[in-house]
Amino acid sequence: MPHSPKPPTARVLREGMTVLLGDAAHTPSPQLVSGAALAIEDAVVLAQELERHAETAGALEAFSSRRIERARLVVETSREIARLEQADRHGEVYELQGRCHGALAAPT
């Protein structure tokens, strides 16, 4: 039976004035090789929101709202790809990768 690591989660973690970015907040499995990209996007979006808002708390809330769905897409898709690969369903993997990459091509 294949090893099944703790399922990845997709969440933007914010507690008061502290926010976690990248893999600390949403760790995908390696199938989409997008973990570093999520971290870079997190940093860019956080900088944008800090510039737009006079209050840090508002910026962190806006950041969380902007990032959660995109992070969830990567984490959940990478997990599904891993499951399909283990089942030797590679045709479905390619289709799923294409749909996900198409969605990720859209700006955040």
Protein backbone atom coordinates (compact mmCIF):
# COMPACT_ATOMS: atom_id res chain seq x y z
CA MET A 1 0.00 0.00 0.00
CA PRO A 2 1.42 3.42 -0.95
CA HIS A 3 2.44 5.78 1.81
CA SER A 4 -0.27 8.33 2.47
CA PRO A 5 1.16 11.47 4.09
CA LYS A 6 -0.93 13.77 6.19
CA PRO A 7 -3.37 15.39 3.75
CA PRO A 8 -2.28 18.87 2.68
CA THR A 9 -4.53 21.71 3.59
CA ALA A 10 -5.36 24.92 1.84
CA ARG A 11 -5.77 27.73 4.23
CA VAL A 12 -4.50 31.19 4.76
CA LEU A 13 -3.49 31.39 8.38
CA ARG A 14 -4.00 34.70 10.06
CA GLU A 15 -4.11 35.36 13.76
CA GLY A 16 -4.38 39.01 14.66
CA MET A 17 -1.45 40.80 13.08
CA THR A 18 0.39 37.63 12.06
CA VAL A 19 -0.03 35.83 8.75
CA LEU A 20 1.65 32.68 7.43
CA LEU A 21 2.67 32.51 3.77
CA GLY A 22 3.59 29.79 1.30
CA ASP A 23 4.07 26.22 2.48
CA ALA A 24 3.64 27.26 6.11
CA ALA A 25 0.02 28.07 5.28
CA HIS A 26 -0.82 25.79 2.35
CA THR A 27 1.48 22.92 1.43
CA PRO A 28 0.66 21.17 -1.84
CA SER A 29 2.01 17.76 -2.79
CA PRO A 30 4.73 18.00 -5.46
CA GLN A 31 2.60 16.96 -8.44
CA LEU A 32 1.97 20.51 -9.70
CA VAL A 33 5.39 21.86 -8.66
CA SER A 34 3.60 25.02 -7.55
CA GLY A 35 4.56 25.41 -3.89
CA ALA A 36 7.22 28.05 -4.54
CA ALA A 37 4.90 29.87 -6.94
CA LEU A 38 2.21 30.06 -4.23
CA ALA A 39 4.74 31.56 -1.82
CA ILE A 40 5.83 34.19 -4.34
CA GLU A 41 2.23 35.03 -5.17
CA ASP A 42 1.45 35.30 -1.45
CA ALA A 43 4.26 37.82 -1.01
CA VAL A 44 3.13 39.90 -4.00
CA VAL A 45 -0.52 39.93 -2.94
CA LEU A 46 0.39 40.77 0.65
CA ALA A 47 2.50 43.71 -0.54
CA GLN A 48 -0.36 44.92 -2.75
CA GLU A 49 -2.87 44.75 0.08
CA LEU A 50 -0.54 46.48 2.54
CA GLU A 51 -0.15 49.30 0.02
CA ARG A 52 -3.92 49.58 -0.57
CA HIS A 53 -5.05 49.63 3.06
CA ALA A 54 -4.32 52.23 5.70
CA GLU A 55 -4.82 49.64 8.45
CA THR A 56 -2.73 46.48 8.59
CA ALA A 57 -5.65 44.40 9.89
CA GLY A 58 -7.70 45.32 6.81
CA ALA A 59 -4.79 44.44 4.53
CA LEU A 60 -4.39 41.03 6.16
CA GLU A 61 -8.10 40.30 5.85
CA ALA A 62 -8.09 41.30 2.17
CA PHE A 63 -4.97 39.18 1.61
CA SER A 64 -6.64 36.14 3.16
CA SER A 65 -9.77 36.63 1.08
CA ARG A 66 -7.78 36.93 -2.16
CA ARG A 67 -5.54 33.94 -1.58
CA ILE A 68 -7.69 31.15 -0.14
CA GLU A 69 -9.39 29.89 -3.31
CA ARG A 70 -6.22 29.87 -5.42
CA ALA A 71 -4.29 28.07 -2.68
CA ARG A 72 -7.12 25.57 -2.28
CA LEU A 73 -7.11 24.91 -6.04
CA VAL A 74 -3.40 24.03 -6.03
CA VAL A 75 -3.48 21.94 -2.86
CA GLU A 76 -6.59 19.96 -3.75
CA THR A 77 -5.60 19.47 -7.40
CA SER A 78 -2.10 18.29 -6.50
CA ARG A 79 -3.59 15.81 -4.04
CA GLU A 80 -6.05 14.51 -6.66
CA ILE A 81 -3.22 14.15 -9.20
CA ALA A 82 -1.25 12.08 -6.69
CA ARG A 83 -4.28 9.82 -6.19
CA LEU A 84 -4.77 9.40 -9.95
CA GLU A 85 -1.06 8.67 -10.48
CA GLN A 86 -1.17 5.93 -7.84
CA ALA A 87 -4.10 4.41 -9.72
CA ASP A 88 -2.22 4.59 -13.07
CA ARG A 89 -4.89 6.91 -14.51
CA HIS A 90 -2.41 9.13 -16.32
CA GLY A 91 -4.81 10.35 -19.02
CA GLU A 92 -6.94 11.92 -16.31
CA VAL A 93 -3.80 13.40 -14.72
CA TYR A 94 -2.91 15.28 -17.91
CA GLU A 95 -6.46 16.60 -18.27
CA LEU A 96 -6.58 17.75 -14.64
CA GLN A 97 -3.15 19.40 -14.90
CA GLY A 98 -4.26 21.27 -18.00
CA ARG A 99 -7.42 22.58 -16.33
CA CYS A 100 -5.53 23.63 -13.22
CA HIS A 101 -2.72 25.34 -15.13
CA GLY A 102 -5.31 27.15 -17.21
CA ALA A 103 -6.96 28.45 -14.03
CA LEU A 104 -3.58 29.43 -12.56
CA ALA A 105 -2.74 31.46 -15.67
CA ALA A 106 -5.39 33.96 -14.57
CA PRO A 107 -4.10 36.84 -12.46
CA THR A 108 -4.68 36.73 -8.72
